[in-house]
Amino acid sequence: MVNSVEVLIKSAEVPAYAHPGDAGADLTASEPVVLAPGARATIGTGVAIALPDGYAAFVVPRSGLASKHGITVVNSPGTVDAGYRGEIRVTLLNTDTSAPYAVAVGDRIAQLIIIPVTRARFIPVEELPGSQRGESGFGSTGYSAPKTSAAKSGEQS
């Protein structure tokens, strides 16, 4: 079963999914920009949407632009709230240190993923319940695959 949601849109070019089953619909540039090495620019898409309550849209990078040209979305994922009605603009960053990147009108520059969201009810407490992870943060699980229990104890398998 395919879930869908109707999204009202005002745009000269409607975002499209490149393949069946894709999560992200391509957003295209509505203005030309040249990104110098290390530079960033906010680029219009010409797209404005009205999401139903209970949904949000997230603007994420296109993997091909990132891997082939070093182009990424600065604030990824960029969040589009249900109440926002303005143009969706994308802030791209050229991470390449030597080559500029030209964006032409109509180029696919990012993807838009629309998902249901839950509103949290925040409950102030004096102490949080415990967990196995606790307060361990960045890097707390290490940087390589965990060793098996046999390898940890020095046993041969």
Protein backbone atom coordinates (compact mmCIF):
# COMPACT_ATOMS: atom_id res chain seq x y z
CA MET A 1 0.00 0.00 0.00
CA VAL A 2 1.33 3.42 -0.96
CA ASN A 3 0.61 6.24 1.44
CA SER A 4 0.20 9.67 -0.07
CA VAL A 5 -0.66 13.11 1.14
CA GLU A 6 -2.07 15.94 -0.93
CA VAL A 7 0.19 18.99 -0.87
CA LEU A 8 -1.04 22.23 -2.37
CA ILE A 9 1.73 23.79 -4.44
CA LYS A 10 2.41 27.06 -6.22
CA SER A 11 5.24 26.54 -8.69
CA ALA A 12 6.25 26.87 -12.31
CA GLU A 13 7.85 23.42 -12.05
CA VAL A 14 6.40 20.79 -9.71
CA PRO A 15 8.93 18.68 -7.77
CA ALA A 16 9.08 15.15 -9.15
CA TYR A 17 10.24 11.75 -7.96
CA ALA A 18 12.89 10.35 -10.33
CA HIS A 19 12.05 6.70 -9.66
CA PRO A 20 9.17 4.71 -8.19
CA GLY A 21 9.75 4.27 -4.47
CA ASP A 22 12.03 7.32 -4.11
CA ALA A 23 11.67 9.14 -0.78
CA GLY A 24 12.72 12.55 -2.08
CA ALA A 25 11.24 14.63 -4.88
CA ASP A 26 13.75 16.75 -6.78
CA LEU A 27 13.76 20.52 -6.27
CA THR A 28 15.16 22.59 -9.13
CA ALA A 29 16.86 25.98 -9.22
CA SER A 30 14.78 28.94 -10.39
CA GLU A 31 17.84 31.19 -10.72
CA PRO A 32 21.42 30.76 -11.94
CA VAL A 33 24.29 30.87 -9.42
CA VAL A 34 28.01 30.17 -9.57
CA LEU A 35 29.41 28.78 -6.33
CA ALA A 36 33.10 29.55 -5.96
CA PRO A 37 35.23 26.98 -4.11
CA GLY A 38 34.17 27.04 -0.45
CA ALA A 39 31.30 29.47 -1.14
CA ARG A 40 27.63 29.12 -0.27
CA ALA A 41 24.51 30.71 -1.72
CA THR A 42 20.80 30.58 -1.08
CA ILE A 43 19.01 29.60 -4.27
CA GLY A 44 15.32 29.93 -5.05
CA THR A 45 13.28 26.97 -6.25
CA GLY A 46 10.11 28.84 -7.19
CA VAL A 47 8.18 26.35 -5.05
CA ALA A 48 5.76 27.25 -2.25
CA ILE A 49 3.66 24.56 -0.57
CA ALA A 50 0.85 24.19 1.93
CA LEU A 51 1.41 21.06 3.98
CA PRO A 52 -1.45 19.62 6.00
CA ASP A 53 -1.16 19.77 9.78
CA GLY A 54 0.83 16.84 11.10
CA TYR A 55 3.36 16.90 8.23
CA ALA A 56 6.71 18.56 7.60
CA ALA A 57 8.97 18.69 4.59
CA PHE A 58 12.72 18.28 4.82
CA VAL A 59 15.17 19.66 2.24
CA VAL A 60 18.16 17.33 1.87
CA PRO A 61 21.20 17.14 -0.44
CA ARG A 62 21.28 15.14 -3.66
CA SER A 63 23.83 12.36 -3.29
CA GLY A 64 25.16 12.72 -6.84
CA LEU A 65 25.94 16.43 -6.37
CA ALA A 66 27.66 15.67 -3.08
CA SER A 67 29.80 12.78 -4.34
CA LYS A 68 30.68 14.15 -7.79
CA HIS A 69 30.98 17.87 -7.07
CA GLY A 70 31.11 18.38 -3.29
CA ILE A 71 27.82 20.29 -3.29
CA THR A 72 25.73 19.94 -0.14
CA VAL A 73 22.86 21.64 1.68
CA VAL A 74 24.25 23.72 4.54
CA ASN A 75 21.43 23.32 7.05
CA SER A 76 20.51 19.78 6.10
CA PRO A 77 17.90 18.84 6.66
CA GLY A 78 16.20 22.16 6.16
CA THR A 79 12.78 22.02 7.79
CA VAL A 80 9.63 23.31 6.11
CA ASP A 81 6.84 23.54 8.70
CA ALA A 82 3.17 22.99 7.84
CA GLY A 83 2.37 26.67 8.45
CA TYR A 84 5.08 28.09 6.12
CA ARG A 85 3.78 29.46 2.84
CA GLY A 86 6.84 31.19 1.37
CA GLU A 87 9.20 30.03 -1.35
CA ILE A 88 11.40 27.06 -0.48
CA ARG A 89 14.98 28.27 -0.86
CA VAL A 90 18.02 26.03 -0.61
CA THR A 91 21.38 27.09 0.82
CA LEU A 92 24.04 25.17 -1.11
CA LEU A 93 27.71 24.92 -0.14
CA ASN A 94 30.54 24.09 -2.53
CA THR A 95 32.94 22.03 -0.43
CA ASP A 96 35.38 21.64 -3.33
CA THR A 97 38.58 23.57 -2.57
CA SER A 98 39.54 24.27 -6.18
CA ALA A 99 36.62 24.06 -8.64
CA PRO A 100 33.65 26.42 -8.90
CA TYR A 101 30.22 24.91 -9.53
CA ALA A 102 27.63 26.51 -11.83
CA VAL A 103 23.93 26.06 -11.09
CA ALA A 104 21.62 26.74 -14.05
CA VAL A 105 17.89 27.36 -14.00
CA GLY A 106 16.18 23.96 -13.95
CA ASP A 107 19.11 22.07 -12.39
CA ARG A 108 18.11 19.61 -9.68
CA ILE A 109 19.71 21.02 -6.52
CA ALA A 110 18.10 19.23 -3.57
CA GLN A 111 15.38 16.79 -2.60
CA LEU A 112 12.18 17.37 -0.67
CA ILE A 113 11.02 14.63 1.70
CA ILE A 114 7.55 14.92 3.18
CA ILE A 115 6.82 12.93 6.34
CA PRO A 116 4.29 12.85 9.14
CA VAL A 117 5.53 14.37 12.38
CA THR A 118 4.45 13.99 15.97
CA ARG A 119 4.24 16.93 18.31
CA ALA A 120 5.88 16.20 21.62
CA ARG A 121 4.50 17.14 24.99
CA PHE A 122 7.52 18.15 27.06
CA ILE A 123 7.24 17.19 30.74
CA PRO A 124 9.71 18.83 33.14
CA VAL A 125 11.17 16.36 35.69
CA GLU A 126 13.94 16.52 38.28
CA GLU A 127 15.65 13.37 37.01
CA LEU A 128 15.48 11.28 33.85
CA PRO A 129 15.07 7.51 33.92
CA GLY A 130 18.27 5.53 33.40
CA SER A 131 19.33 3.84 30.18
CA GLN A 132 22.12 1.58 28.98
CA ARG A 133 23.78 4.47 27.14
CA GLY A 134 23.34 7.03 29.90
CA GLU A 135 25.04 10.36 29.22
CA SER A 136 27.65 9.02 26.77
CA GLY A 137 27.64 11.24 23.70
CA PHE A 138 29.67 11.68 20.52
CA GLY A 139 31.89 8.70 19.80
CA SER A 140 30.61 6.74 22.78
CA THR A 141 30.19 3.55 20.75
CA GLY A 142 33.66 3.73 19.17
CA TYR A 143 34.75 4.03 15.56
CA SER A 144 35.05 0.42 14.41
CA ALA A 145 32.86 -2.65 14.58
CA PRO A 146 32.43 -3.96 18.11
CA LYS A 147 34.48 -7.02 18.95
CA THR A 148 32.63 -10.27 19.55
CA SER A 149 32.54 -11.61 23.08
CA ALA A 150 34.96 -14.41 22.05
CA ALA A 151 37.46 -11.88 20.69
CA LYS A 152 37.14 -9.75 23.83
CA SER A 153 37.95 -12.68 26.12
CA GLY A 154 40.81 -13.96 23.94
CA GLU A 155 39.05 -17.23 23.04
CA GLN A 156 39.65 -18.89 19.70
CA SER A 157 36.66 -19.54 17.49
